[in-house]
Amino acid sequence: MDGKNRTNIMTGQTVEIVLKKDQATGKGTRGIVKDILTKSPSHPHGIKVRLQDGQVGRVKRIISQE
């Protein structure tokens, strides 16, 4: 499942995000969602989240539905 719709993303889920510094390469970073930062219902580049380890990026795909 992709991360372009806010309704698909919940705190506690395992997701793959793209960090700002990795946007050119598209390298993914896996982690657990702590906060959802995007307020709009959808975003063409992915919903911005903060992971439990503090990293911030846009959701590339959702790994698990916790």
PDB file of N, CA and C in Angstrom:
ATOM      1  N   MET A   1       0.854  -1.174   0.000  1.00  0.00           N
ATOM      2  CA  MET A   1       0.000   0.000   0.000  1.00  0.00           C
ATOM      3  C   MET A   1       0.902   1.239   0.000  1.00  0.00           C
ATOM      4  N   ASP A   2       0.537   2.236  -0.796  1.00  0.00           N
ATOM      5  CA  ASP A   2       1.366   3.441  -0.832  1.00  0.00           C
ATOM      6  C   ASP A   2       0.950   4.419   0.261  1.00  0.00           C
ATOM      7  N   GLY A   3       1.753   5.437   0.454  1.00  0.00           N
ATOM      8  CA  GLY A   3       1.539   6.364   1.552  1.00  0.00           C
ATOM      9  C   GLY A   3       1.061   7.731   1.128  1.00  0.00           C
ATOM     10  N   LYS A   4       0.242   7.801   0.067  1.00  0.00           N
ATOM     11  CA  LYS A   4      -0.219   9.104  -0.431  1.00  0.00           C
ATOM     12  C   LYS A   4      -1.512   9.576   0.216  1.00  0.00           C
ATOM     13  N   ASN A   5      -2.235   8.668   0.884  1.00  0.00           N
ATOM     14  CA  ASN A   5      -3.485   9.031   1.547  1.00  0.00           C
ATOM     15  C   ASN A   5      -3.322   8.942   3.055  1.00  0.00           C
ATOM     16  N   ARG A   6      -3.713  10.019   3.728  1.00  0.00           N
ATOM     17  CA  ARG A   6      -3.548  10.110   5.184  1.00  0.00           C
ATOM     18  C   ARG A   6      -4.366   9.051   5.929  1.00  0.00           C
ATOM     19  N   THR A   7      -5.522   8.672   5.378  1.00  0.00           N
ATOM     20  CA  THR A   7      -6.390   7.688   6.041  1.00  0.00           C
ATOM     21  C   THR A   7      -5.743   6.309   6.122  1.00  0.00           C
ATOM     22  N   ASN A   8      -4.747   6.024   5.270  1.00  0.00           N
ATOM     23  CA  ASN A   8      -4.074   4.724   5.267  1.00  0.00           C
ATOM     24  C   ASN A   8      -2.993   4.616   6.333  1.00  0.00           C
ATOM     25  N   ILE A   9      -2.611   5.748   6.924  1.00  0.00           N
ATOM     26  CA  ILE A   9      -1.468   5.776   7.838  1.00  0.00           C
ATOM     27  C   ILE A   9      -1.932   6.018   9.267  1.00  0.00           C
ATOM     28  N   MET A  10      -1.431   5.196  10.190  1.00  0.00           N
ATOM     29  CA  MET A  10      -1.759   5.337  11.609  1.00  0.00           C
ATOM     30  C   MET A  10      -0.480   5.247  12.422  1.00  0.00           C
ATOM     31  N   THR A  11      -0.494   5.845  13.606  1.00  0.00           N
ATOM     32  CA  THR A  11       0.666   5.722  14.483  1.00  0.00           C
ATOM     33  C   THR A  11       0.840   4.261  14.875  1.00  0.00           C
ATOM     34  N   GLY A  12       2.080   3.834  15.011  1.00  0.00           N
ATOM     35  CA  GLY A  12       2.381   2.455  15.361  1.00  0.00           C
ATOM     36  C   GLY A  12       2.619   1.547  14.170  1.00  0.00           C
ATOM     37  N   GLN A  13       2.331   2.015  12.966  1.00  0.00           N
ATOM     38  CA  GLN A  13       2.559   1.201  11.770  1.00  0.00           C
ATOM     39  C   GLN A  13       4.032   1.202  11.396  1.00  0.00           C
ATOM     40  N   THR A  14       4.463   0.113  10.789  1.00  0.00           N
ATOM     41  CA  THR A  14       5.793   0.067  10.201  1.00  0.00           C
ATOM     42  C   THR A  14       5.673   0.541   8.757  1.00  0.00           C
ATOM     43  N   VAL A  15       6.493   1.546   8.415  1.00  0.00           N
ATOM     44  CA  VAL A  15       6.449   2.134   7.079  1.00  0.00           C
ATOM     45  C   VAL A  15       7.861   2.299   6.530  1.00  0.00           C
ATOM     46  N   GLU A  16       7.936   2.543   5.233  1.00  0.00           N
ATOM     47  CA  GLU A  16       9.198   2.905   4.595  1.00  0.00           C
ATOM     48  C   GLU A  16       9.057   4.341   4.133  1.00  0.00           C
ATOM     49  N   ILE A  17       9.980   5.203   4.586  1.00  0.00           N
ATOM     50  CA  ILE A  17       9.926   6.612   4.221  1.00  0.00           C
ATOM     51  C   ILE A  17      11.154   6.980   3.396  1.00  0.00           C
ATOM     52  N   VAL A  18      11.053   8.118   2.702  1.00  0.00           N
ATOM     53  CA  VAL A  18      12.202   8.698   2.018  1.00  0.00           C
ATOM     54  C   VAL A  18      12.548   9.983   2.747  1.00  0.00           C
ATOM     55  N   LEU A  19      13.768  10.034   3.281  1.00  0.00           N
ATOM     56  CA  LEU A  19      14.241  11.229   3.964  1.00  0.00           C
ATOM     57  C   LEU A  19      14.559  12.314   2.946  1.00  0.00           C
ATOM     58  N   LYS A  20      14.523  13.577   3.376  1.00  0.00           N
ATOM     59  CA  LYS A  20      14.816  14.700   2.497  1.00  0.00           C
ATOM     60  C   LYS A  20      16.170  14.528   1.800  1.00  0.00           C
ATOM     61  N   LYS A  21      17.179  14.109   2.557  1.00  0.00           N
ATOM     62  CA  LYS A  21      18.524  13.950   1.987  1.00  0.00           C
ATOM     63  C   LYS A  21      18.601  12.809   0.971  1.00  0.00           C
ATOM     64  N   ASP A  22      17.634  11.878   1.008  1.00  0.00           N
ATOM     65  CA  ASP A  22      17.636  10.725   0.106  1.00  0.00           C
ATOM     66  C   ASP A  22      16.652  10.859  -1.056  1.00  0.00           C
ATOM     67  N   GLN A  23      16.035  12.026  -1.216  1.00  0.00           N
ATOM     68  CA  GLN A  23      15.034  12.179  -2.270  1.00  0.00           C
ATOM     69  C   GLN A  23      15.615  11.952  -3.665  1.00  0.00           C
ATOM     70  N   ALA A  24      16.842  12.362  -3.894  1.00  0.00           N
ATOM     71  CA  ALA A  24      17.457  12.200  -5.210  1.00  0.00           C
ATOM     72  C   ALA A  24      17.673  10.729  -5.556  1.00  0.00           C
ATOM     73  N   THR A  25      18.041   9.922  -4.558  1.00  0.00           N
ATOM     74  CA  THR A  25      18.310   8.512  -4.801  1.00  0.00           C
ATOM     75  C   THR A  25      17.078   7.638  -4.586  1.00  0.00           C
ATOM     76  N   GLY A  26      16.124   8.120  -3.781  1.00  0.00           N
ATOM     77  CA  GLY A  26      14.922   7.337  -3.481  1.00  0.00           C
ATOM     78  C   GLY A  26      15.157   6.238  -2.456  1.00  0.00           C
ATOM     79  N   LYS A  27      16.295   6.302  -1.750  1.00  0.00           N
ATOM     80  CA  LYS A  27      16.625   5.300  -0.732  1.00  0.00           C
ATOM     81  C   LYS A  27      15.598   5.335   0.396  1.00  0.00           C
ATOM     82  N   GLY A  28      15.080   4.177   0.750  1.00  0.00           N
ATOM     83  CA  GLY A  28      14.061   4.089   1.788  1.00  0.00           C
ATOM     84  C   GLY A  28      14.644   3.845   3.167  1.00  0.00           C
ATOM     85  N   THR A  29      13.935   4.316   4.183  1.00  0.00           N
ATOM     86  CA  THR A  29      14.295   4.107   5.575  1.00  0.00           C
ATOM     87  C   THR A  29      13.078   3.523   6.274  1.00  0.00           C
ATOM     88  N   ARG A  30      13.259   2.388   6.957  1.00  0.00           N
ATOM     89  CA  ARG A  30      12.136   1.719   7.610  1.00  0.00           C
ATOM     90  C   ARG A  30      12.049   2.132   9.071  1.00  0.00           C
ATOM     91  N   GLY A  31      10.814   2.298   9.559  1.00  0.00           N
ATOM     92  CA  GLY A  31      10.612   2.642  10.950  1.00  0.00           C
ATOM     93  C   GLY A  31       9.154   2.607  11.333  1.00  0.00           C
ATOM     94  N   ILE A  32       8.882   2.956  12.585  1.00  0.00           N
ATOM     95  CA  ILE A  32       7.520   2.941  13.124  1.00  0.00           C
ATOM     96  C   ILE A  32       7.031   4.376  13.279  1.00  0.00           C
ATOM     97  N   VAL A  33       5.819   4.651  12.794  1.00  0.00           N
ATOM     98  CA  VAL A  33       5.255   5.996  12.812  1.00  0.00           C
ATOM     99  C   VAL A  33       4.969   6.443  14.243  1.00  0.00           C
ATOM    100  N   LYS A  34       5.498   7.619  14.598  1.00  0.00           N
ATOM    101  CA  LYS A  34       5.212   8.238  15.888  1.00  0.00           C
ATOM    102  C   LYS A  34       4.175   9.341  15.715  1.00  0.00           C
ATOM    103  N   ASP A  35       4.380  10.224  14.713  1.00  0.00           N
ATOM    104  CA  ASP A  35       3.472  11.343  14.453  1.00  0.00           C
ATOM    105  C   ASP A  35       3.225  11.476  12.961  1.00  0.00           C
ATOM    106  N   ILE A  36       2.002  11.869  12.611  1.00  0.00           N
ATOM    107  CA  ILE A  36       1.663  12.197  11.225  1.00  0.00           C
ATOM    108  C   ILE A  36       1.718  13.717  11.116  1.00  0.00           C
ATOM    109  N   LEU A  37       2.577  14.218  10.238  1.00  0.00           N
ATOM    110  CA  LEU A  37       2.819  15.655  10.158  1.00  0.00           C
ATOM    111  C   LEU A  37       1.996  16.359   9.076  1.00  0.00           C
ATOM    112  N   THR A  38       1.628  15.662   8.012  1.00  0.00           N
ATOM    113  CA  THR A  38       0.816  16.258   6.948  1.00  0.00           C
ATOM    114  C   THR A  38      -0.628  16.363   7.410  1.00  0.00           C
ATOM    115  N   LYS A  39      -1.202  17.549   7.284  1.00  0.00           N
ATOM    116  CA  LYS A  39      -2.591  17.765   7.708  1.00  0.00           C
ATOM    117  C   LYS A  39      -3.607  17.495   6.601  1.00  0.00           C
ATOM    118  N   SER A  40      -3.202  17.639   5.336  1.00  0.00           N
ATOM    119  CA  SER A  40      -4.146  17.434   4.236  1.00  0.00           C
ATOM    120  C   SER A  40      -4.455  15.942   4.065  1.00  0.00           C
ATOM    121  N   PRO A  41      -5.616  15.608   3.475  1.00  0.00           N
ATOM    122  CA  PRO A  41      -6.013  14.197   3.353  1.00  0.00           C
ATOM    123  C   PRO A  41      -5.123  13.375   2.416  1.00  0.00           C
ATOM    124  N   SER A  42      -4.416  14.043   1.487  1.00  0.00           N
ATOM    125  CA  SER A  42      -3.520  13.321   0.587  1.00  0.00           C
ATOM    126  C   SER A  42      -2.391  14.247   0.141  1.00  0.00           C
ATOM    127  N   HIS A  43      -1.320  13.630  -0.358  1.00  0.00           N
ATOM    128  CA  HIS A  43      -0.193  14.397  -0.880  1.00  0.00           C
ATOM    129  C   HIS A  43       0.443  13.579  -2.002  1.00  0.00           C
ATOM    130  N   PRO A  44       0.722  14.190  -3.168  1.00  0.00           N
ATOM    131  CA  PRO A  44       1.239  13.426  -4.311  1.00  0.00           C
ATOM    132  C   PRO A  44       2.602  12.781  -4.082  1.00  0.00           C
ATOM    133  N   HIS A  45       3.399  13.298  -3.145  1.00  0.00           N
ATOM    134  CA  HIS A  45       4.725  12.738  -2.884  1.00  0.00           C
ATOM    135  C   HIS A  45       4.753  11.865  -1.631  1.00  0.00           C
ATOM    136  N   GLY A  46       3.618  11.700  -0.976  1.00  0.00           N
ATOM    137  CA  GLY A  46       3.543  10.886   0.235  1.00  0.00           C
ATOM    138  C   GLY A  46       3.289  11.739   1.460  1.00  0.00           C
ATOM    139  N   ILE A  47       2.628  11.156   2.440  1.00  0.00           N
ATOM    140  CA  ILE A  47       2.309  11.839   3.693  1.00  0.00           C
ATOM    141  C   ILE A  47       3.588  11.936   4.536  1.00  0.00           C
ATOM    142  N   LYS A  48       3.844  13.108   5.094  1.00  0.00           N
ATOM    143  CA  LYS A  48       5.043  13.317   5.909  1.00  0.00           C
ATOM    144  C   LYS A  48       4.777  12.834   7.328  1.00  0.00           C
ATOM    145  N   VAL A  49       5.709  12.018   7.833  1.00  0.00           N
ATOM    146  CA  VAL A  49       5.587  11.462   9.181  1.00  0.00           C
ATOM    147  C   VAL A  49       6.905  11.606   9.946  1.00  0.00           C
ATOM    148  N   ARG A  50       6.819  11.494  11.278  1.00  0.00           N
ATOM    149  CA  ARG A  50       7.991  11.399  12.140  1.00  0.00           C
ATOM    150  C   ARG A  50       8.029   9.979  12.681  1.00  0.00           C
ATOM    151  N   LEU A  51       9.170   9.333  12.552  1.00  0.00           N
ATOM    152  CA  LEU A  51       9.335   7.984  13.076  1.00  0.00           C
ATOM    153  C   LEU A  51       9.679   8.036  14.561  1.00  0.00           C
ATOM    154  N   GLN A  52       9.602   6.905  15.235  1.00  0.00           N
ATOM    155  CA  GLN A  52       9.895   6.846  16.663  1.00  0.00           C
ATOM    156  C   GLN A  52      11.332   7.239  16.974  1.00  0.00           C
ATOM    157  N   ASP A  53      12.246   7.072  16.017  1.00  0.00           N
ATOM    158  CA  ASP A  53      13.637   7.456  16.244  1.00  0.00           C
ATOM    159  C   ASP A  53      13.901   8.926  15.905  1.00  0.00           C
ATOM    160  N   GLY A  54      12.841   9.666  15.515  1.00  0.00           N
ATOM    161  CA  GLY A  54      12.961  11.104  15.278  1.00  0.00           C
ATOM    162  C   GLY A  54      13.164  11.505  13.832  1.00  0.00           C
ATOM    163  N   GLN A  55      13.409  10.564  12.945  1.00  0.00           N
ATOM    164  CA  GLN A  55      13.608  10.896  11.534  1.00  0.00           C
ATOM    165  C   GLN A  55      12.276  11.308  10.903  1.00  0.00           C
ATOM    166  N   VAL A  56      12.352  12.275   9.970  1.00  0.00           N
ATOM    167  CA  VAL A  56      11.155  12.788   9.310  1.00  0.00           C
ATOM    168  C   VAL A  56      11.293  12.572   7.808  1.00  0.00           C
ATOM    169  N   GLY A  57      10.230  12.071   7.192  1.00  0.00           N
ATOM    170  CA  GLY A  57      10.230  11.866   5.750  1.00  0.00           C
ATOM    171  C   GLY A  57       8.835  11.562   5.245  1.00  0.00           C
ATOM    172  N   ARG A  58       8.745  11.374   3.938  1.00  0.00           N
ATOM    173  CA  ARG A  58       7.456  11.071   3.309  1.00  0.00           C
ATOM    174  C   ARG A  58       7.304   9.560   3.119  1.00  0.00           C
ATOM    175  N   VAL A  59       6.109   9.063   3.413  1.00  0.00           N
ATOM    176  CA  VAL A  59       5.856   7.624   3.338  1.00  0.00           C
ATOM    177  C   VAL A  59       5.889   7.160   1.890  1.00  0.00           C
ATOM    178  N   LYS A  60       6.761   6.198   1.645  1.00  0.00           N
ATOM    179  CA  LYS A  60       6.880   5.589   0.321  1.00  0.00           C
ATOM    180  C   LYS A  60       5.917   4.403   0.219  1.00  0.00           C
ATOM    181  N   ARG A  61       5.920   3.573   1.276  1.00  0.00           N
ATOM    182  CA  ARG A  61       4.967   2.449   1.327  1.00  0.00           C
ATOM    183  C   ARG A  61       4.743   2.031   2.766  1.00  0.00           C
ATOM    184  N   ILE A  62       3.595   1.382   2.974  1.00  0.00           N
ATOM    185  CA  ILE A  62       3.218   0.893   4.297  1.00  0.00           C
ATOM    186  C   ILE A  62       3.595  -0.577   4.376  1.00  0.00           C
ATOM    187  N   ILE A  63       4.374  -0.943   5.385  1.00  0.00           N
ATOM    188  CA  ILE A  63       4.852  -2.318   5.532  1.00  0.00           C
ATOM    189  C   ILE A  63       3.840  -3.169   6.300  1.00  0.00           C
ATOM    190  N   SER A  64       3.341  -2.662   7.444  1.00  0.00           N
ATOM    191  CA  SER A  64       2.406  -3.449   8.245  1.00  0.00           C
ATOM    192  C   SER A  64       1.272  -2.594   8.771  1.00  0.00           C
ATOM    193  N   GLN A  65       0.135  -3.219   8.966  1.00  0.00           N
ATOM    194  CA  GLN A  65      -1.063  -2.560   9.510  1.00  0.00           C
ATOM    195  C   GLN A  65      -1.191  -2.940  10.970  1.00  0.00           C
ATOM    196  N   GLU A  66      -0.539  -2.219  11.860  1.00  0.00           N
ATOM    197  CA  GLU A  66      -0.605  -2.529  13.300  1.00  0.00           C
ATOM    198  C   GLU A  66      -1.825  -1.904  13.922  1.00  0.00           C
TER     199      GLU A  66
END
